[in-house]
Amino acid sequence: MPLETVPWDITDSLDTPERVALYLEAVLEDGVPALLAAALGDIARAQGVAQIAQRTGLSRETLYRTLSDKGNPQLTTLMAVLKALGLKLTVAPVAGAA
């Protein structure tokens, strides 16, 4: 009997600020900039790209392009998107780093 699967979309799981923060923390631990852009795109889709676009002053098309796995957002865009999502970027020392 074949295994039956159902489509899964991360945006369905990003329904609380805590889940959003945990998702971004996990992505940031990998240290891959493209993953951060894609994760922010996932969060923007979960909350509504049109609303995020309005809050940042950027077009939806710009957000879709910039916040994709091939995107490379500038720091100003990153900060604007984080603010529009109700998030902030923090820095912590790496355990065991000299």
Protein backbone atom coordinates (compact mmCIF):
# COMPACT_ATOMS: atom_id res chain seq x y z
CA MET A 1 0.00 0.00 0.00
CA PRO A 2 1.54 3.36 -1.03
CA LEU A 3 2.22 5.97 1.60
CA GLU A 4 -0.23 8.85 1.39
CA THR A 5 1.23 12.29 2.00
CA VAL A 6 -0.26 15.75 2.29
CA PRO A 7 1.34 19.06 1.27
CA TRP A 8 3.00 20.98 4.10
CA ASP A 9 3.74 24.69 4.18
CA ILE A 10 5.81 26.30 6.93
CA THR A 11 3.57 29.36 6.84
CA ASP A 12 0.79 27.32 8.45
CA SER A 13 3.03 26.86 11.51
CA LEU A 14 4.09 30.49 11.88
CA ASP A 15 0.98 31.55 13.75
CA THR A 16 2.44 32.95 16.98
CA PRO A 17 5.27 35.40 17.71
CA GLU A 18 7.03 32.65 19.68
CA ARG A 19 7.01 30.23 16.74
CA VAL A 20 8.23 32.96 14.40
CA ALA A 21 11.10 33.78 16.77
CA LEU A 22 12.07 30.11 17.15
CA TYR A 23 12.02 29.65 13.39
CA LEU A 24 14.31 32.64 12.84
CA GLU A 25 16.64 31.55 15.64
CA ALA A 26 17.03 28.14 14.00
CA VAL A 27 17.72 29.72 10.62
CA LEU A 28 20.25 32.15 12.07
CA GLU A 29 22.13 29.28 13.74
CA ASP A 30 22.85 27.85 10.29
CA GLY A 31 24.53 31.12 9.31
CA VAL A 32 23.41 30.98 5.67
CA PRO A 33 22.24 34.43 4.47
CA ALA A 34 20.00 32.98 1.74
CA LEU A 35 18.14 30.95 4.37
CA LEU A 36 17.49 34.10 6.41
CA ALA A 37 16.03 35.88 3.39
CA ALA A 38 13.85 32.87 2.56
CA ALA A 39 12.71 32.50 6.18
CA LEU A 40 11.72 36.17 6.31
CA GLY A 41 9.80 35.57 3.09
CA ASP A 42 7.99 32.65 4.73
CA ILE A 43 7.07 34.82 7.70
CA ALA A 44 5.93 37.66 5.44
CA ARG A 45 3.71 35.23 3.51
CA ALA A 46 2.28 33.91 6.78
CA GLN A 47 1.41 37.43 7.95
CA GLY A 48 0.46 38.79 4.54
CA VAL A 49 2.97 40.19 2.07
CA ALA A 50 0.67 43.07 1.15
CA GLN A 51 0.54 44.22 4.79
CA ILE A 52 4.31 43.89 5.20
CA ALA A 53 4.84 45.80 1.95
CA GLN A 54 2.61 48.62 3.18
CA ARG A 55 4.41 48.79 6.55
CA THR A 56 7.87 48.86 4.94
CA GLY A 57 7.04 51.11 2.01
CA LEU A 58 8.35 48.47 -0.39
CA SER A 59 6.38 46.91 -3.22
CA ARG A 60 5.09 43.34 -2.93
CA GLU A 61 7.14 42.38 -5.95
CA THR A 62 10.31 43.72 -4.31
CA LEU A 63 9.56 41.78 -1.14
CA TYR A 64 8.88 38.54 -3.01
CA ARG A 65 12.11 38.90 -4.97
CA THR A 66 14.28 40.06 -2.07
CA LEU A 67 12.89 37.59 0.47
CA SER A 68 13.39 34.49 -1.62
CA ASP A 69 16.07 31.83 -1.33
CA LYS A 70 17.90 33.67 -4.14
CA GLY A 71 17.39 37.10 -2.57
CA ASN A 72 20.08 39.19 -0.96
CA PRO A 73 18.39 41.91 1.08
CA GLN A 74 20.30 45.00 2.07
CA LEU A 75 20.57 45.70 5.78
CA THR A 76 18.05 48.56 5.49
CA THR A 77 15.52 46.18 3.91
CA LEU A 78 16.21 43.50 6.50
CA MET A 79 15.70 45.95 9.36
CA ALA A 80 12.51 47.37 7.80
CA VAL A 81 11.04 43.90 7.33
CA LEU A 82 11.94 42.83 10.86
CA LYS A 83 10.31 45.99 12.26
CA ALA A 84 7.19 45.44 10.14
CA LEU A 85 7.01 41.88 11.47
CA GLY A 86 7.26 43.12 15.05
CA LEU A 87 10.72 41.59 15.48
CA LYS A 88 14.16 42.86 16.40
CA LEU A 89 17.63 41.53 15.78
CA THR A 90 19.79 40.80 18.81
CA VAL A 91 23.39 39.70 19.18
CA ALA A 92 24.81 37.17 21.62
CA PRO A 93 28.30 35.79 22.08
CA VAL A 94 29.05 32.43 20.52
CA ALA A 95 29.60 29.78 23.17
CA GLY A 96 33.28 28.87 23.38
CA ALA A 97 34.44 31.73 21.15
CA ALA A 98 37.55 33.55 22.29
